[in-house]
């Protein structure tokens, strides 16, 4: 078995990793063809990464011109703990206010503690209940935003922990 096959995550491992991670590196194609790379907090919708951002941001301008996107979720503090998932595909831009709000809720549910929402800090990530006040706040925040859904066409994954500390 190749080293690559040894470290590849199963579909269930990829899903679990996406569920526990918080930061999504996003690469779009800039107007001059150069990569445009940013980090965003994300949520999940039917297992797909979703995020929201200002409608006039460079990444949205890039995606409106060219919907290709690559995203990366990675962690690890040493070689033998490196894990990651890279997805390449296309982005779906959602402009409808209800759909934008739904994406905002997915992001907030997973990152409530980062928003300073101490009421939700003790709830499992992705499962935080959103009350009507928070929902209203997210709708206001979403007025100038769009929701982005990442549709993966190819996925690569690695989990160096599977090597048992060997190189």
Protein backbone atom coordinates (compact mmCIF):
# COMPACT_ATOMS: atom_id res chain seq x y z
CA UNK A 1 0.00 0.00 0.00
CA UNK A 2 1.38 3.42 -0.92
CA UNK A 3 2.03 6.09 1.69
CA UNK A 4 -0.68 8.17 0.01
CA UNK A 5 -3.21 5.35 0.47
CA UNK A 6 -2.14 4.96 4.10
CA UNK A 7 -2.93 8.55 5.02
CA UNK A 8 -6.09 9.05 2.93
CA UNK A 9 -9.21 9.61 5.04
CA UNK A 10 -12.36 7.58 4.51
CA UNK A 11 -15.57 9.43 3.62
CA UNK A 12 -16.68 9.13 7.26
CA UNK A 13 -13.35 10.51 8.49
CA UNK A 14 -13.60 13.45 6.07
CA UNK A 15 -17.14 14.19 7.30
CA UNK A 16 -16.04 14.05 10.94
CA UNK A 17 -13.04 16.28 10.25
CA UNK A 18 -15.17 18.87 8.44
CA UNK A 19 -17.59 18.77 11.34
CA UNK A 20 -14.93 19.52 13.97
CA UNK A 21 -12.75 22.07 12.15
CA UNK A 22 -13.54 25.79 12.09
CA UNK A 23 -11.37 27.65 9.57
CA UNK A 24 -11.73 27.36 5.81
CA UNK A 25 -9.00 28.57 3.46
CA UNK A 26 -10.63 29.74 0.24
CA UNK A 27 -8.86 30.22 -3.08
CA UNK A 28 -10.55 31.96 -6.01
CA UNK A 29 -9.16 33.16 -9.33
CA UNK A 30 -8.36 36.88 -9.34
CA UNK A 31 -8.97 39.16 -12.33
CA UNK A 32 -5.33 38.78 -13.42
CA UNK A 33 -5.43 34.97 -13.06
CA UNK A 34 -3.52 34.94 -9.78
CA UNK A 35 -4.95 33.04 -6.81
CA UNK A 36 -6.84 35.09 -4.22
CA UNK A 37 -6.60 33.35 -0.83
CA UNK A 38 -8.54 34.15 2.34
CA UNK A 39 -9.61 32.42 5.54
CA UNK A 40 -13.27 32.27 6.56
CA UNK A 41 -15.35 30.68 9.28
CA UNK A 42 -17.74 28.17 7.81
CA UNK A 43 -20.80 26.06 8.43
CA UNK A 44 -22.03 22.87 6.85
CA UNK A 45 -25.10 22.28 4.72
CA UNK A 46 -25.73 18.67 3.77
CA UNK A 47 -22.03 17.98 4.40
CA UNK A 48 -20.89 20.82 2.10
CA UNK A 49 -18.93 23.81 3.42
CA UNK A 50 -20.88 27.08 3.34
CA UNK A 51 -19.81 30.59 4.29
CA UNK A 52 -21.08 34.10 3.94
CA UNK A 53 -19.28 37.26 3.02
CA UNK A 54 -19.90 40.77 1.77
CA UNK A 55 -21.40 40.82 -1.71
CA UNK A 56 -18.80 43.35 -2.90
CA UNK A 57 -15.78 41.43 -1.57
CA UNK A 58 -13.01 40.43 -3.95
CA UNK A 59 -13.73 36.73 -3.53
CA UNK A 60 -17.36 37.23 -4.59
CA UNK A 61 -16.35 39.39 -7.56
CA UNK A 62 -13.94 36.62 -8.53
CA UNK A 63 -16.59 33.90 -8.15
CA UNK A 64 -19.15 35.82 -10.19
CA UNK A 65 -16.62 35.99 -13.02
CA UNK A 66 -15.25 32.45 -12.54
CA UNK A 67 -17.05 30.08 -10.11
CA UNK A 68 -14.05 27.77 -9.67
CA UNK A 69 -12.99 27.45 -6.04
CA UNK A 70 -10.55 25.44 -3.97
CA UNK A 71 -10.94 25.18 -0.21
CA UNK A 72 -8.64 23.75 2.42
CA UNK A 73 -9.29 22.72 5.99
CA UNK A 74 -6.15 21.64 7.84
CA UNK A 75 -4.71 21.22 11.32
CA UNK A 76 -1.81 19.71 13.17
CA UNK A 77 1.12 21.02 15.16
CA UNK A 78 3.73 18.50 14.03
CA UNK A 79 4.32 16.31 10.99
CA UNK A 80 2.79 13.25 12.64
CA UNK A 81 -0.41 15.14 13.53
CA UNK A 82 -1.05 16.85 10.17
CA UNK A 83 -4.57 16.37 8.81
CA UNK A 84 -6.40 18.08 6.03
CA UNK A 85 -9.05 18.06 3.35
CA UNK A 86 -8.76 19.96 0.08
CA UNK A 87 -11.77 20.33 -2.20
CA UNK A 88 -11.79 21.70 -5.72
CA UNK A 89 -15.02 22.48 -7.50
CA UNK A 90 -17.36 25.39 -8.03
CA UNK A 91 -19.12 27.88 -5.81
CA UNK A 92 -22.82 28.55 -5.78
CA UNK A 93 -23.60 32.16 -4.84
CA UNK A 94 -26.86 32.69 -2.98
CA UNK A 95 -28.32 36.19 -3.10
CA UNK A 96 -31.82 35.48 -1.78
CA UNK A 97 -32.11 37.02 1.73
CA UNK A 98 -33.67 33.86 3.22
CA UNK A 99 -30.90 31.68 1.79
CA UNK A 100 -28.21 34.13 2.92
CA UNK A 101 -29.71 34.12 6.43
CA UNK A 102 -29.73 30.30 6.46
CA UNK A 103 -26.03 30.24 5.57
CA UNK A 104 -25.36 32.86 8.26
CA UNK A 105 -27.15 30.67 10.79
CA UNK A 106 -25.06 27.64 9.79
CA UNK A 107 -21.87 29.65 10.27
CA UNK A 108 -23.08 31.09 13.58
CA UNK A 109 -24.16 27.69 14.90
CA UNK A 110 -20.61 26.36 14.47
CA UNK A 111 -18.85 29.51 15.66
CA UNK A 112 -21.16 31.03 18.29
CA UNK A 113 -18.34 31.28 20.83
CA UNK A 114 -16.22 33.20 18.32
CA UNK A 115 -19.02 35.71 17.85
CA UNK A 116 -18.95 36.25 21.61
CA UNK A 117 -22.31 34.51 22.07
CA UNK A 118 -21.57 33.09 25.53
CA UNK A 119 -25.10 31.68 25.76
CA UNK A 120 -24.14 29.12 23.13
CA UNK A 121 -20.54 28.51 24.19
CA UNK A 122 -21.33 25.28 26.06
CA UNK A 123 -23.35 23.75 23.21
CA UNK A 124 -21.73 21.32 20.77
CA UNK A 125 -20.42 23.04 17.61
CA UNK A 126 -22.96 22.98 14.82
CA UNK A 127 -25.83 22.28 17.17
CA UNK A 128 -26.30 25.62 18.89
CA UNK A 129 -29.92 26.69 18.95
CA UNK A 130 -30.50 30.12 17.51
CA UNK A 131 -33.11 32.25 19.24
CA UNK A 132 -35.27 34.85 17.51
CA UNK A 133 -33.04 37.76 18.63
CA UNK A 134 -29.95 36.14 17.16
CA UNK A 135 -31.87 35.22 14.02
CA UNK A 136 -32.94 38.86 13.62
CA UNK A 137 -29.34 40.03 14.16
CA UNK A 138 -28.06 37.59 11.53
CA UNK A 139 -30.69 38.79 9.06
CA UNK A 140 -29.50 42.39 9.57
CA UNK A 141 -25.86 41.28 9.18
CA UNK A 142 -26.81 39.39 6.03
CA UNK A 143 -28.33 42.39 4.26
CA UNK A 144 -25.06 43.21 2.49
CA UNK A 145 -23.83 39.63 2.24
CA UNK A 146 -24.19 36.59 0.03
CA UNK A 147 -24.07 32.94 0.95
CA UNK A 148 -21.57 30.66 -0.76
CA UNK A 149 -21.96 26.89 -1.08
CA UNK A 150 -18.90 24.86 -2.06
CA UNK A 151 -19.71 22.06 -4.49
CA UNK A 152 -16.71 19.75 -4.49
CA UNK A 153 -15.79 17.92 -7.67
CA UNK A 154 -12.52 16.45 -6.36
CA UNK A 155 -11.43 15.90 -2.77
CA UNK A 156 -8.01 15.05 -1.40
CA UNK A 157 -7.43 14.18 2.24
CA UNK A 158 -4.58 13.20 4.53
CA UNK A 159 -4.19 12.17 8.14
CA UNK A 160 -0.57 11.65 9.16
CA UNK A 161 -1.69 10.27 12.51
CA UNK A 162 -2.35 7.02 10.61
CA UNK A 163 1.40 6.60 10.11
CA UNK A 164 1.93 5.91 13.79
CA UNK A 165 4.79 8.39 14.13
CA UNK A 166 6.84 6.94 11.25
CA UNK A 167 7.91 8.85 8.16
